[in-house]
Amino acid sequence: MPEDQTPSKILQNPKLHPYFKWCQDAIDGSQFDGWVEEDATMCYHNRKGSVTQNVLAGSDFDLSFIYILSGWEGSAADSQIFEYARQKDLHLLPNCYFLADAEFPLCDDLMTLYHGK
């Protein structure tokens, strides 16, 4: 990513630049309460037992949403939804990545948290 495409929030912060200069945006999944027909509730139960919808959202460094994928069952993992989005319509600039949490897969498109000791 050329310097002129690096988000200004990263360029102007010495704590972030040059470490995150290839970071395009941040992405995460969020659970929202859902209401579905009784025969579909099993698929929409999340790991805590609530009936929810899992929504994948991406935001830029100005805190604006740049991507939303809604409608997934609460039981769906963030990594599963991300893989679907990447195959369909979630695209990155060349040589860039998204920031994500540990629920996402290890791949060239994401920088996730390190859980080593």
PDB file of N, CA and C in Angstrom:
ATOM      1  N   MET A   1       0.863  -1.167   0.000  1.00  0.00           N
ATOM      2  CA  MET A   1       0.000   0.000   0.000  1.00  0.00           C
ATOM      3  C   MET A   1       0.911   1.231   0.000  1.00  0.00           C
ATOM      4  N   PRO A   2       0.750   2.112  -0.953  1.00  0.00           N
ATOM      5  CA  PRO A   2       1.533   3.349  -0.942  1.00  0.00           C
ATOM      6  C   PRO A   2       1.184   4.198   0.272  1.00  0.00           C
ATOM      7  N   GLU A   3       2.138   5.034   0.703  1.00  0.00           N
ATOM      8  CA  GLU A   3       1.923   5.883   1.872  1.00  0.00           C
ATOM      9  C   GLU A   3       0.662   6.728   1.744  1.00  0.00           C
ATOM     10  N   ASP A   4       0.322   7.172   0.527  1.00  0.00           N
ATOM     11  CA  ASP A   4      -0.855   8.025   0.374  1.00  0.00           C
ATOM     12  C   ASP A   4      -2.163   7.262   0.578  1.00  0.00           C
ATOM     13  N   GLN A   5      -2.118   5.923   0.620  1.00  0.00           N
ATOM     14  CA  GLN A   5      -3.317   5.133   0.886  1.00  0.00           C
ATOM     15  C   GLN A   5      -3.372   4.649   2.338  1.00  0.00           C
ATOM     16  N   THR A   6      -2.296   4.837   3.092  1.00  0.00           N
ATOM     17  CA  THR A   6      -2.304   4.481   4.503  1.00  0.00           C
ATOM     18  C   THR A   6      -3.239   5.438   5.228  1.00  0.00           C
ATOM     19  N   PRO A   7      -4.157   4.923   6.054  1.00  0.00           N
ATOM     20  CA  PRO A   7      -5.082   5.810   6.763  1.00  0.00           C
ATOM     21  C   PRO A   7      -4.340   6.895   7.549  1.00  0.00           C
ATOM     22  N   SER A   8      -4.857   8.109   7.504  1.00  0.00           N
ATOM     23  CA  SER A   8      -4.199   9.235   8.161  1.00  0.00           C
ATOM     24  C   SER A   8      -4.070   9.025   9.670  1.00  0.00           C
ATOM     25  N   LYS A   9      -5.022   8.324  10.282  1.00  0.00           N
ATOM     26  CA  LYS A   9      -4.948   8.051  11.725  1.00  0.00           C
ATOM     27  C   LYS A   9      -3.703   7.232  12.057  1.00  0.00           C
ATOM     28  N   ILE A  10      -3.252   6.400  11.133  1.00  0.00           N
ATOM     29  CA  ILE A  10      -2.040   5.610  11.339  1.00  0.00           C
ATOM     30  C   ILE A  10      -0.803   6.441  11.011  1.00  0.00           C
ATOM     31  N   LEU A  11      -0.833   7.146   9.881  1.00  0.00           N
ATOM     32  CA  LEU A  11       0.309   7.957   9.464  1.00  0.00           C
ATOM     33  C   LEU A  11       0.697   9.000  10.509  1.00  0.00           C
ATOM     34  N   GLN A  12      -0.270   9.586  11.157  1.00  0.00           N
ATOM     35  CA  GLN A  12      -0.025  10.690  12.079  1.00  0.00           C
ATOM     36  C   GLN A  12       0.286  10.253  13.508  1.00  0.00           C
ATOM     37  N   ASN A  13       0.250   8.965  13.773  1.00  0.00           N
ATOM     38  CA  ASN A  13       0.479   8.475  15.127  1.00  0.00           C
ATOM     39  C   ASN A  13       1.765   7.646  15.166  1.00  0.00           C
ATOM     40  N   PRO A  14       2.824   8.144  15.819  1.00  0.00           N
ATOM     41  CA  PRO A  14       4.087   7.396  15.848  1.00  0.00           C
ATOM     42  C   PRO A  14       3.994   6.058  16.585  1.00  0.00           C
ATOM     43  N   LYS A  15       2.951   5.859  17.390  1.00  0.00           N
ATOM     44  CA  LYS A  15       2.761   4.563  18.034  1.00  0.00           C
ATOM     45  C   LYS A  15       2.219   3.524  17.051  1.00  0.00           C
ATOM     46  N   LEU A  16       1.613   3.991  15.988  1.00  0.00           N
ATOM     47  CA  LEU A  16       1.019   3.083  15.003  1.00  0.00           C
ATOM     48  C   LEU A  16       1.845   2.966  13.723  1.00  0.00           C
ATOM     49  N   HIS A  17       2.456   4.053  13.309  1.00  0.00           N
ATOM     50  CA  HIS A  17       3.233   4.041  12.060  1.00  0.00           C
ATOM     51  C   HIS A  17       4.704   3.917  12.407  1.00  0.00           C
ATOM     52  N   PRO A  18       5.427   3.044  11.807  1.00  0.00           N
ATOM     53  CA  PRO A  18       5.151   2.275  10.595  1.00  0.00           C
ATOM     54  C   PRO A  18       4.569   0.886  10.845  1.00  0.00           C
ATOM     55  N   TYR A  19       4.274   0.530  12.101  1.00  0.00           N
ATOM     56  CA  TYR A  19       3.890  -0.836  12.432  1.00  0.00           C
ATOM     57  C   TYR A  19       2.598  -1.297  11.766  1.00  0.00           C
ATOM     58  N   PHE A  20       1.652  -0.400  11.595  1.00  0.00           N
ATOM     59  CA  PHE A  20       0.359  -0.771  11.014  1.00  0.00           C
ATOM     60  C   PHE A  20       0.115  -0.097   9.664  1.00  0.00           C
ATOM     61  N   LYS A  21       1.159   0.283   8.963  1.00  0.00           N
ATOM     62  CA  LYS A  21       0.963   1.034   7.720  1.00  0.00           C
ATOM     63  C   LYS A  21       0.259   0.215   6.633  1.00  0.00           C
ATOM     64  N   TRP A  22       0.260  -1.095   6.736  1.00  0.00           N
ATOM     65  CA  TRP A  22      -0.422  -1.931   5.740  1.00  0.00           C
ATOM     66  C   TRP A  22      -1.841  -2.290   6.174  1.00  0.00           C
ATOM     67  N   CYS A  23      -2.273  -1.796   7.307  1.00  0.00           N
ATOM     68  CA  CYS A  23      -3.606  -2.112   7.827  1.00  0.00           C
ATOM     69  C   CYS A  23      -4.653  -1.252   7.121  1.00  0.00           C
ATOM     70  N   GLN A  24      -5.614  -1.906   6.527  1.00  0.00           N
ATOM     71  CA  GLN A  24      -6.666  -1.194   5.807  1.00  0.00           C
ATOM     72  C   GLN A  24      -7.802  -0.787   6.746  1.00  0.00           C
ATOM     73  N   ASP A  25      -8.306  -1.730   7.545  1.00  0.00           N
ATOM     74  CA  ASP A  25      -9.456  -1.490   8.406  1.00  0.00           C
ATOM     75  C   ASP A  25      -9.466  -2.523   9.535  1.00  0.00           C
ATOM     76  N   ALA A  26     -10.470  -2.452  10.392  1.00  0.00           N
ATOM     77  CA  ALA A  26     -10.673  -3.445  11.444  1.00  0.00           C
ATOM     78  C   ALA A  26     -11.998  -4.159  11.182  1.00  0.00           C
ATOM     79  N   ILE A  27     -12.064  -5.425  11.585  1.00  0.00           N
ATOM     80  CA  ILE A  27     -13.261  -6.221  11.322  1.00  0.00           C
ATOM     81  C   ILE A  27     -13.565  -7.078  12.555  1.00  0.00           C
ATOM     82  N   ASP A  28     -14.865  -7.271  12.823  1.00  0.00           N
ATOM     83  CA  ASP A  28     -15.258  -8.097  13.959  1.00  0.00           C
ATOM     84  C   ASP A  28     -16.693  -8.572  13.779  1.00  0.00           C
ATOM     85  N   GLY A  29     -17.038  -9.615  14.495  1.00  0.00           N
ATOM     86  CA  GLY A  29     -18.400 -10.111  14.521  1.00  0.00           C
ATOM     87  C   GLY A  29     -19.074  -9.670  15.812  1.00  0.00           C
ATOM     88  N   SER A  30     -20.358  -9.373  15.743  1.00  0.00           N
ATOM     89  CA  SER A  30     -21.127  -8.974  16.923  1.00  0.00           C
ATOM     90  C   SER A  30     -22.438  -9.734  16.955  1.00  0.00           C
ATOM     91  N   GLN A  31     -22.856 -10.091  18.160  1.00  0.00           N
ATOM     92  CA  GLN A  31     -24.114 -10.802  18.357  1.00  0.00           C
ATOM     93  C   GLN A  31     -25.222  -9.806  18.700  1.00  0.00           C
ATOM     94  N   PHE A  32     -26.342  -9.925  18.006  1.00  0.00           N
ATOM     95  CA  PHE A  32     -27.514  -9.097  18.279  1.00  0.00           C
ATOM     96  C   PHE A  32     -28.699 -10.006  18.540  1.00  0.00           C
ATOM     97  N   ASP A  33     -29.533  -9.636  19.513  1.00  0.00           N
ATOM     98  CA  ASP A  33     -30.727 -10.429  19.793  1.00  0.00           C
ATOM     99  C   ASP A  33     -31.517 -10.640  18.514  1.00  0.00           C
ATOM    100  N   GLY A  34     -32.040 -11.848  18.370  1.00  0.00           N
ATOM    101  CA  GLY A  34     -32.806 -12.176  17.177  1.00  0.00           C
ATOM    102  C   GLY A  34     -34.127 -12.828  17.529  1.00  0.00           C
ATOM    103  N   TRP A  35     -35.053 -12.767  16.636  1.00  0.00           N
ATOM    104  CA  TRP A  35     -36.349 -13.403  16.779  1.00  0.00           C
ATOM    105  C   TRP A  35     -36.585 -14.198  15.507  1.00  0.00           C
ATOM    106  N   VAL A  36     -36.718 -15.500  15.669  1.00  0.00           N
ATOM    107  CA  VAL A  36     -36.918 -16.378  14.515  1.00  0.00           C
ATOM    108  C   VAL A  36     -38.061 -17.332  14.811  1.00  0.00           C
ATOM    109  N   GLU A  37     -38.535 -17.986  13.785  1.00  0.00           N
ATOM    110  CA  GLU A  37     -39.599 -18.964  13.976  1.00  0.00           C
ATOM    111  C   GLU A  37     -39.084 -20.105  14.844  1.00  0.00           C
ATOM    112  N   GLU A  38     -39.982 -20.709  15.573  1.00  0.00           N
ATOM    113  CA  GLU A  38     -39.623 -21.700  16.582  1.00  0.00           C
ATOM    114  C   GLU A  38     -38.781 -22.845  16.019  1.00  0.00           C
ATOM    115  N   ASP A  39     -39.076 -23.303  14.818  1.00  0.00           N
ATOM    116  CA  ASP A  39     -38.319 -24.429  14.260  1.00  0.00           C
ATOM    117  C   ASP A  39     -36.890 -24.050  13.851  1.00  0.00           C
ATOM    118  N   ALA A  40     -36.550 -22.752  13.844  1.00  0.00           N
ATOM    119  CA  ALA A  40     -35.198 -22.312  13.474  1.00  0.00           C
ATOM    120  C   ALA A  40     -34.363 -21.879  14.671  1.00  0.00           C
ATOM    121  N   THR A  41     -34.934 -21.910  15.864  1.00  0.00           N
ATOM    122  CA  THR A  41     -34.219 -21.350  17.021  1.00  0.00           C
ATOM    123  C   THR A  41     -32.927 -22.086  17.347  1.00  0.00           C
ATOM    124  N   MET A  42     -32.838 -23.374  17.117  1.00  0.00           N
ATOM    125  CA  MET A  42     -31.613 -24.106  17.449  1.00  0.00           C
ATOM    126  C   MET A  42     -30.406 -23.527  16.716  1.00  0.00           C
ATOM    127  N   CYS A  43     -30.542 -23.179  15.467  1.00  0.00           N
ATOM    128  CA  CYS A  43     -29.423 -22.623  14.690  1.00  0.00           C
ATOM    129  C   CYS A  43     -29.022 -21.236  15.175  1.00  0.00           C
ATOM    130  N   TYR A  44     -29.947 -20.524  15.752  1.00  0.00           N
ATOM    131  CA  TYR A  44     -29.682 -19.144  16.164  1.00  0.00           C
ATOM    132  C   TYR A  44     -29.244 -19.013  17.625  1.00  0.00           C
ATOM    133  N   HIS A  45     -29.144 -20.145  18.348  1.00  0.00           N
ATOM    134  CA  HIS A  45     -28.624 -20.092  19.715  1.00  0.00           C
ATOM    135  C   HIS A  45     -27.119 -19.880  19.665  1.00  0.00           C
ATOM    136  N   ASN A  46     -26.632 -18.856  20.365  1.00  0.00           N
ATOM    137  CA  ASN A  46     -25.190 -18.643  20.427  1.00  0.00           C
ATOM    138  C   ASN A  46     -24.598 -19.498  21.543  1.00  0.00           C
ATOM    139  N   ARG A  47     -23.306 -19.365  21.789  1.00  0.00           N
ATOM    140  CA  ARG A  47     -22.638 -20.205  22.791  1.00  0.00           C
ATOM    141  C   ARG A  47     -23.120 -19.932  24.207  1.00  0.00           C
ATOM    142  N   LYS A  48     -23.796 -18.808  24.421  1.00  0.00           N
ATOM    143  CA  LYS A  48     -24.320 -18.479  25.752  1.00  0.00           C
ATOM    144  C   LYS A  48     -25.784 -18.886  25.906  1.00  0.00           C
ATOM    145  N   GLY A  49     -26.370 -19.454  24.838  1.00  0.00           N
ATOM    146  CA  GLY A  49     -27.736 -19.938  24.909  1.00  0.00           C
ATOM    147  C   GLY A  49     -28.799 -18.962  24.458  1.00  0.00           C
ATOM    148  N   SER A  50     -28.415 -17.751  24.099  1.00  0.00           N
ATOM    149  CA  SER A  50     -29.386 -16.748  23.636  1.00  0.00           C
ATOM    150  C   SER A  50     -29.651 -16.915  22.147  1.00  0.00           C
ATOM    151  N   VAL A  51     -30.830 -16.515  21.720  1.00  0.00           N
ATOM    152  CA  VAL A  51     -31.161 -16.512  20.297  1.00  0.00           C
ATOM    153  C   VAL A  51     -30.656 -15.198  19.718  1.00  0.00           C
ATOM    154  N   THR A  52     -29.649 -15.299  18.847  1.00  0.00           N
ATOM    155  CA  THR A  52     -29.011 -14.099  18.300  1.00  0.00           C
ATOM    156  C   THR A  52     -28.726 -14.245  16.817  1.00  0.00           C
ATOM    157  N   GLN A  53     -28.365 -13.137  16.234  1.00  0.00           N
ATOM    158  CA  GLN A  53     -27.893 -13.047  14.861  1.00  0.00           C
ATOM    159  C   GLN A  53     -26.436 -12.577  14.938  1.00  0.00           C
ATOM    160  N   ASN A  54     -25.549 -13.197  14.184  1.00  0.00           N
ATOM    161  CA  ASN A  54     -24.147 -12.791  14.157  1.00  0.00           C
ATOM    162  C   ASN A  54     -23.950 -11.874  12.948  1.00  0.00           C
ATOM    163  N   VAL A  55     -23.423 -10.685  13.206  1.00  0.00           N
ATOM    164  CA  VAL A  55     -23.221  -9.680  12.168  1.00  0.00           C
ATOM    165  C   VAL A  55     -21.731  -9.394  12.052  1.00  0.00           C
ATOM    166  N   LEU A  56     -21.194  -9.513  10.840  1.00  0.00           N
ATOM    167  CA  LEU A  56     -19.800  -9.182  10.569  1.00  0.00           C
ATOM    168  C   LEU A  56     -19.749  -7.725  10.136  1.00  0.00           C
ATOM    169  N   ALA A  57     -18.904  -6.937  10.813  1.00  0.00           N
ATOM    170  CA  ALA A  57     -18.822  -5.505  10.495  1.00  0.00           C
ATOM    171  C   ALA A  57     -17.361  -5.088  10.383  1.00  0.00           C
ATOM    172  N   GLY A  58     -17.083  -4.251   9.417  1.00  0.00           N
ATOM    173  CA  GLY A  58     -15.760  -3.673   9.242  1.00  0.00           C
ATOM    174  C   GLY A  58     -15.854  -2.169   9.369  1.00  0.00           C
ATOM    175  N   SER A  59     -14.833  -1.560   9.976  1.00  0.00           N
ATOM    176  CA  SER A  59     -14.842  -0.106  10.098  1.00  0.00           C
ATOM    177  C   SER A  59     -13.464   0.439   9.758  1.00  0.00           C
ATOM    178  N   ASP A  60     -13.448   1.685   9.294  1.00  0.00           N
ATOM    179  CA  ASP A  60     -12.184   2.341   9.005  1.00  0.00           C
ATOM    180  C   ASP A  60     -11.707   3.067  10.253  1.00  0.00           C
ATOM    181  N   PHE A  61     -10.610   3.790  10.151  1.00  0.00           N
ATOM    182  CA  PHE A  61     -10.036   4.431  11.319  1.00  0.00           C
ATOM    183  C   PHE A  61     -10.696   5.761  11.664  1.00  0.00           C
ATOM    184  N   ASP A  62     -11.696   6.154  10.872  1.00  0.00           N
ATOM    185  CA  ASP A  62     -12.539   7.300  11.217  1.00  0.00           C
ATOM    186  C   ASP A  62     -13.821   6.822  11.881  1.00  0.00           C
ATOM    187  N   LEU A  63     -13.868   5.523  12.221  1.00  0.00           N
ATOM    188  CA  LEU A  63     -14.997   4.874  12.892  1.00  0.00           C
ATOM    189  C   LEU A  63     -16.262   4.857  12.050  1.00  0.00           C
ATOM    190  N   SER A  64     -16.088   4.784  10.736  1.00  0.00           N
ATOM    191  CA  SER A  64     -17.212   4.638   9.807  1.00  0.00           C
ATOM    192  C   SER A  64     -17.276   3.185   9.352  1.00  0.00           C
ATOM    193  N   PHE A  65     -18.493   2.661   9.274  1.00  0.00           N
ATOM    194  CA  PHE A  65     -18.645   1.303   8.767  1.00  0.00           C
ATOM    195  C   PHE A  65     -18.312   1.275   7.283  1.00  0.00           C
ATOM    196  N   ILE A  66     -17.507   0.304   6.896  1.00  0.00           N
ATOM    197  CA  ILE A  66     -17.162   0.131   5.485  1.00  0.00           C
ATOM    198  C   ILE A  66     -17.696  -1.192   4.941  1.00  0.00           C
ATOM    199  N   TYR A  67     -18.169  -2.054   5.856  1.00  0.00           N
ATOM    200  CA  TYR A  67     -18.680  -3.352   5.429  1.00  0.00           C
ATOM    201  C   TYR A  67     -19.617  -3.894   6.504  1.00  0.00           C
ATOM    202  N   ILE A  68     -20.764  -4.443   6.074  1.00  0.00           N
ATOM    203  CA  ILE A  68     -21.709  -5.107   6.979  1.00  0.00           C
ATOM    204  C   ILE A  68     -22.214  -6.363   6.276  1.00  0.00           C
ATOM    205  N   LEU A  69     -22.189  -7.470   6.982  1.00  0.00           N
ATOM    206  CA  LEU A  69     -22.796  -8.715   6.507  1.00  0.00           C
ATOM    207  C   LEU A  69     -23.652  -9.232   7.648  1.00  0.00           C
ATOM    208  N   SER A  70     -24.958  -9.137   7.508  1.00  0.00           N
ATOM    209  CA  SER A  70     -25.866  -9.524   8.589  1.00  0.00           C
ATOM    210  C   SER A  70     -26.676 -10.751   8.190  1.00  0.00           C
ATOM    211  N   GLY A  71     -27.383 -11.304   9.186  1.00  0.00           N
ATOM    212  CA  GLY A  71     -28.306 -12.393   8.914  1.00  0.00           C
ATOM    213  C   GLY A  71     -27.794 -13.769   9.279  1.00  0.00           C
ATOM    214  N   TRP A  72     -26.563 -13.886   9.722  1.00  0.00           N
ATOM    215  CA  TRP A  72     -26.025 -15.195  10.070  1.00  0.00           C
ATOM    216  C   TRP A  72     -26.553 -15.659  11.430  1.00  0.00           C
ATOM    217  N   GLU A  73     -26.682 -16.972  11.553  1.00  0.00           N
ATOM    218  CA  GLU A  73     -27.149 -17.562  12.800  1.00  0.00           C
ATOM    219  C   GLU A  73     -26.189 -17.229  13.936  1.00  0.00           C
ATOM    220  N   GLY A  74     -26.717 -17.102  15.142  1.00  0.00           N
ATOM    221  CA  GLY A  74     -25.884 -16.839  16.303  1.00  0.00           C
ATOM    222  C   GLY A  74     -24.871 -17.932  16.565  1.00  0.00           C
ATOM    223  N   SER A  75     -25.129 -19.139  16.084  1.00  0.00           N
ATOM    224  CA  SER A  75     -24.195 -20.251  16.278  1.00  0.00           C
ATOM    225  C   SER A  75     -23.021 -20.206  15.307  1.00  0.00           C
ATOM    226  N   ALA A  76     -23.084 -19.350  14.288  1.00  0.00           N
ATOM    227  CA  ALA A  76     -22.012 -19.269  13.289  1.00  0.00           C
ATOM    228  C   ALA A  76     -20.786 -18.571  13.879  1.00  0.00           C
ATOM    229  N   ALA A  77     -19.624 -19.122  13.624  1.00  0.00           N
ATOM    230  CA  ALA A  77     -18.369 -18.546  14.116  1.00  0.00           C
ATOM    231  C   ALA A  77     -17.943 -17.374  13.232  1.00  0.00           C
ATOM    232  N   ASP A  78     -17.248 -16.414  13.857  1.00  0.00           N
ATOM    233  CA  ASP A  78     -16.729 -15.268  13.093  1.00  0.00           C
ATOM    234  C   ASP A  78     -15.872 -15.731  11.925  1.00  0.00           C
ATOM    235  N   SER A  79     -15.060 -16.757  12.131  1.00  0.00           N
ATOM    236  CA  SER A  79     -14.182 -17.240  11.065  1.00  0.00           C
ATOM    237  C   SER A  79     -14.983 -17.791   9.884  1.00  0.00           C
ATOM    238  N   GLN A  80     -16.093 -18.458  10.153  1.00  0.00           N
ATOM    239  CA  GLN A  80     -16.954 -18.999   9.104  1.00  0.00           C
ATOM    240  C   GLN A  80     -17.578 -17.870   8.287  1.00  0.00           C
ATOM    241  N   ILE A  81     -18.054 -16.849   8.970  1.00  0.00           N
ATOM    242  CA  ILE A  81     -18.678 -15.715   8.282  1.00  0.00           C
ATOM    243  C   ILE A  81     -17.640 -14.947   7.481  1.00  0.00           C
ATOM    244  N   PHE A  82     -16.442 -14.783   8.040  1.00  0.00           N
ATOM    245  CA  PHE A  82     -15.362 -14.090   7.325  1.00  0.00           C
ATOM    246  C   PHE A  82     -15.002 -14.821   6.034  1.00  0.00           C
ATOM    247  N   GLU A  83     -14.874 -16.141   6.098  1.00  0.00           N
ATOM    248  CA  GLU A  83     -14.535 -16.912   4.892  1.00  0.00           C
ATOM    249  C   GLU A  83     -15.603 -16.733   3.817  1.00  0.00           C
ATOM    250  N   TYR A  84     -16.859 -16.747   4.219  1.00  0.00           N
ATOM    251  CA  TYR A  84     -17.949 -16.523   3.266  1.00  0.00           C
ATOM    252  C   TYR A  84     -17.842 -15.125   2.655  1.00  0.00           C
ATOM    253  N   ALA A  85     -17.652 -14.116   3.490  1.00  0.00           N
ATOM    254  CA  ALA A  85     -17.568 -12.729   3.011  1.00  0.00           C
ATOM    255  C   ALA A  85     -16.396 -12.553   2.059  1.00  0.00           C
ATOM    256  N   ARG A  86     -15.270 -13.169   2.378  1.00  0.00           N
ATOM    257  CA  ARG A  86     -14.079 -13.041   1.540  1.00  0.00           C
ATOM    258  C   ARG A  86     -14.305 -13.656   0.164  1.00  0.00           C
ATOM    259  N   GLN A  87     -15.069 -14.723   0.096  1.00  0.00           N
ATOM    260  CA  GLN A  87     -15.369 -15.351  -1.195  1.00  0.00           C
ATOM    261  C   GLN A  87     -16.390 -14.544  -1.991  1.00  0.00           C
ATOM    262  N   LYS A  88     -17.267 -13.822  -1.283  1.00  0.00           N
ATOM    263  CA  LYS A  88     -18.341 -13.094  -1.957  1.00  0.00           C
ATOM    264  C   LYS A  88     -17.949 -11.665  -2.349  1.00  0.00           C
ATOM    265  N   ASP A  89     -17.796 -10.786  -1.359  1.00  0.00           N
ATOM    266  CA  ASP A  89     -17.650  -9.371  -1.722  1.00  0.00           C
ATOM    267  C   ASP A  89     -16.777  -8.542  -0.780  1.00  0.00           C
ATOM    268  N   LEU A  90     -16.071  -9.161   0.137  1.00  0.00           N
ATOM    269  CA  LEU A  90     -15.171  -8.432   1.021  1.00  0.00           C
ATOM    270  C   LEU A  90     -13.783  -8.453   0.407  1.00  0.00           C
ATOM    271  N   HIS A  91     -13.311  -7.300  -0.027  1.00  0.00           N
ATOM    272  CA  HIS A  91     -12.038  -7.239  -0.742  1.00  0.00           C
ATOM    273  C   HIS A  91     -11.070  -6.286  -0.059  1.00  0.00           C
ATOM    274  N   LEU A  92      -9.810  -6.627  -0.126  1.00  0.00           N
ATOM    275  CA  LEU A  92      -8.728  -5.815   0.415  1.00  0.00           C
ATOM    276  C   LEU A  92      -7.909  -5.208  -0.705  1.00  0.00           C
ATOM    277  N   LEU A  93      -7.265  -4.101  -0.392  1.00  0.00           N
ATOM    278  CA  LEU A  93      -6.271  -3.571  -1.310  1.00  0.00           C
ATOM    279  C   LEU A  93      -5.095  -4.553  -1.342  1.00  0.00           C
ATOM    280  N   PRO A  94      -4.329  -4.598  -2.421  1.00  0.00           N
ATOM    281  CA  PRO A  94      -3.187  -5.517  -2.481  1.00  0.00           C
ATOM    282  C   PRO A  94      -2.200  -5.253  -1.335  1.00  0.00           C
ATOM    283  N   ASN A  95      -1.653  -6.332  -0.782  1.00  0.00           N
ATOM    284  CA  ASN A  95      -0.648  -6.287   0.291  1.00  0.00           C
ATOM    285  C   ASN A  95      -1.141  -5.633   1.578  1.00  0.00           C
ATOM    286  N   CYS A  96      -2.430  -5.636   1.828  1.00  0.00           N
ATOM    287  CA  CYS A  96      -3.004  -5.036   3.038  1.00  0.00           C
ATOM    288  C   CYS A  96      -3.674  -6.110   3.877  1.00  0.00           C
ATOM    289  N   TYR A  97      -4.105  -5.719   5.079  1.00  0.00           N
ATOM    290  CA  TYR A  97      -4.785  -6.658   5.965  1.00  0.00           C
ATOM    291  C   TYR A  97      -5.778  -5.911   6.841  1.00  0.00           C
ATOM    292  N   PHE A  98      -6.678  -6.679   7.461  1.00  0.00           N
ATOM    293  CA  PHE A  98      -7.612  -6.179   8.456  1.00  0.00           C
ATOM    294  C   PHE A  98      -7.088  -6.539   9.846  1.00  0.00           C
ATOM    295  N   LEU A  99      -7.366  -5.701  10.841  1.00  0.00           N
ATOM    296  CA  LEU A  99      -7.162  -6.071  12.234  1.00  0.00           C
ATOM    297  C   LEU A  99      -8.375  -6.877  12.676  1.00  0.00           C
ATOM    298  N   ALA A 100      -8.159  -7.950  13.430  1.00  0.00           N
ATOM    299  CA  ALA A 100      -9.257  -8.801  13.875  1.00  0.00           C
ATOM    300  C   ALA A 100      -8.908  -9.416  15.223  1.00  0.00           C
ATOM    301  N   ASP A 101      -9.912  -9.982  15.888  1.00  0.00           N
ATOM    302  CA  ASP A 101      -9.638 -10.628  17.167  1.00  0.00           C
ATOM    303  C   ASP A 101      -9.335 -12.111  16.963  1.00  0.00           C
ATOM    304  N   ALA A 102      -9.125 -12.809  18.054  1.00  0.00           N
ATOM    305  CA  ALA A 102      -8.664 -14.194  17.999  1.00  0.00           C
ATOM    306  C   ALA A 102      -9.710 -15.174  17.482  1.00  0.00           C
ATOM    307  N   GLU A 103     -10.940 -14.749  17.293  1.00  0.00           N
ATOM    308  CA  GLU A 103     -11.982 -15.632  16.761  1.00  0.00           C
ATOM    309  C   GLU A 103     -11.853 -15.828  15.257  1.00  0.00           C
ATOM    310  N   PHE A 104     -10.976 -15.082  14.637  1.00  0.00           N
ATOM    311  CA  PHE A 104     -10.805 -15.155  13.191  1.00  0.00           C
ATOM    312  C   PHE A 104      -9.651 -16.087  12.836  1.00  0.00           C
ATOM    313  N   PRO A 105      -9.637 -16.601  11.602  1.00  0.00           N
ATOM    314  CA  PRO A 105      -8.583 -17.545  11.213  1.00  0.00           C
ATOM    315  C   PRO A 105      -7.244 -16.843  10.976  1.00  0.00           C
ATOM    316  N   LEU A 106      -6.182 -17.597  11.065  1.00  0.00           N
ATOM    317  CA  LEU A 106      -4.865 -17.099  10.683  1.00  0.00           C
ATOM    318  C   LEU A 106      -4.777 -17.142   9.160  1.00  0.00           C
ATOM    319  N   CYS A 107      -4.542 -15.989   8.547  1.00  0.00           N
ATOM    320  CA  CYS A 107      -4.422 -15.920   7.098  1.00  0.00           C
ATOM    321  C   CYS A 107      -3.730 -14.612   6.727  1.00  0.00           C
ATOM    322  N   ASP A 108      -3.378 -14.469   5.476  1.00  0.00           N
ATOM    323  CA  ASP A 108      -2.677 -13.273   5.011  1.00  0.00           C
ATOM    324  C   ASP A 108      -3.547 -12.021   5.036  1.00  0.00           C
ATOM    325  N   ASP A 109      -4.866 -12.164   5.104  1.00  0.00           N
ATOM    326  CA  ASP A 109      -5.772 -11.027   5.069  1.00  0.00           C
ATOM    327  C   ASP A 109      -6.041 -10.427   6.440  1.00  0.00           C
ATOM    328  N   LEU A 110      -5.556 -11.065   7.515  1.00  0.00           N
ATOM    329  CA  LEU A 110      -5.870 -10.624   8.872  1.00  0.00           C
ATOM    330  C   LEU A 110      -4.633 -10.545   9.752  1.00  0.00           C
ATOM    331  N   MET A 111      -4.640  -9.589  10.675  1.00  0.00           N
ATOM    332  CA  MET A 111      -3.686  -9.587  11.780  1.00  0.00           C
ATOM    333  C   MET A 111      -4.511  -9.810  13.030  1.00  0.00           C
ATOM    334  N   THR A 112      -4.302 -10.954  13.667  1.00  0.00           N
ATOM    335  CA  THR A 112      -5.059 -11.291  14.860  1.00  0.00           C
ATOM    336  C   THR A 112      -4.167 -11.213  16.100  1.00  0.00           C
ATOM    337  N   LEU A 113      -4.785 -11.304  17.258  1.00  0.00           N
ATOM    338  CA  LEU A 113      -4.058 -11.275  18.521  1.00  0.00           C
ATOM    339  C   LEU A 113      -3.147 -12.480  18.656  1.00  0.00           C
ATOM    340  N   TYR A 114      -2.023 -12.280  19.321  1.00  0.00           N
ATOM    341  CA  TYR A 114      -1.093 -13.376  19.607  1.00  0.00           C
ATOM    342  C   TYR A 114      -1.374 -13.881  21.006  1.00  0.00           C
ATOM    343  N   HIS A 115      -1.585 -15.185  21.143  1.00  0.00           N
ATOM    344  CA  HIS A 115      -1.917 -15.773  22.444  1.00  0.00           C
ATOM    345  C   HIS A 115      -0.781 -16.599  23.012  1.00  0.00           C
ATOM    346  N   GLY A 116       0.440 -16.351  22.575  1.00  0.00           N
ATOM    347  CA  GLY A 116       1.586 -17.106  23.074  1.00  0.00           C
ATOM    348  C   GLY A 116       1.963 -16.680  24.488  1.00  0.00           C
ATOM    349  N   LYS A 117       2.878 -17.399  25.053  1.00  0.00           N
ATOM    350  CA  LYS A 117       3.317 -17.088  26.419  1.00  0.00           C
ATOM    351  C   LYS A 117       4.688 -16.483  26.403  1.00  0.00           C
TER     352      LYS A 117
END
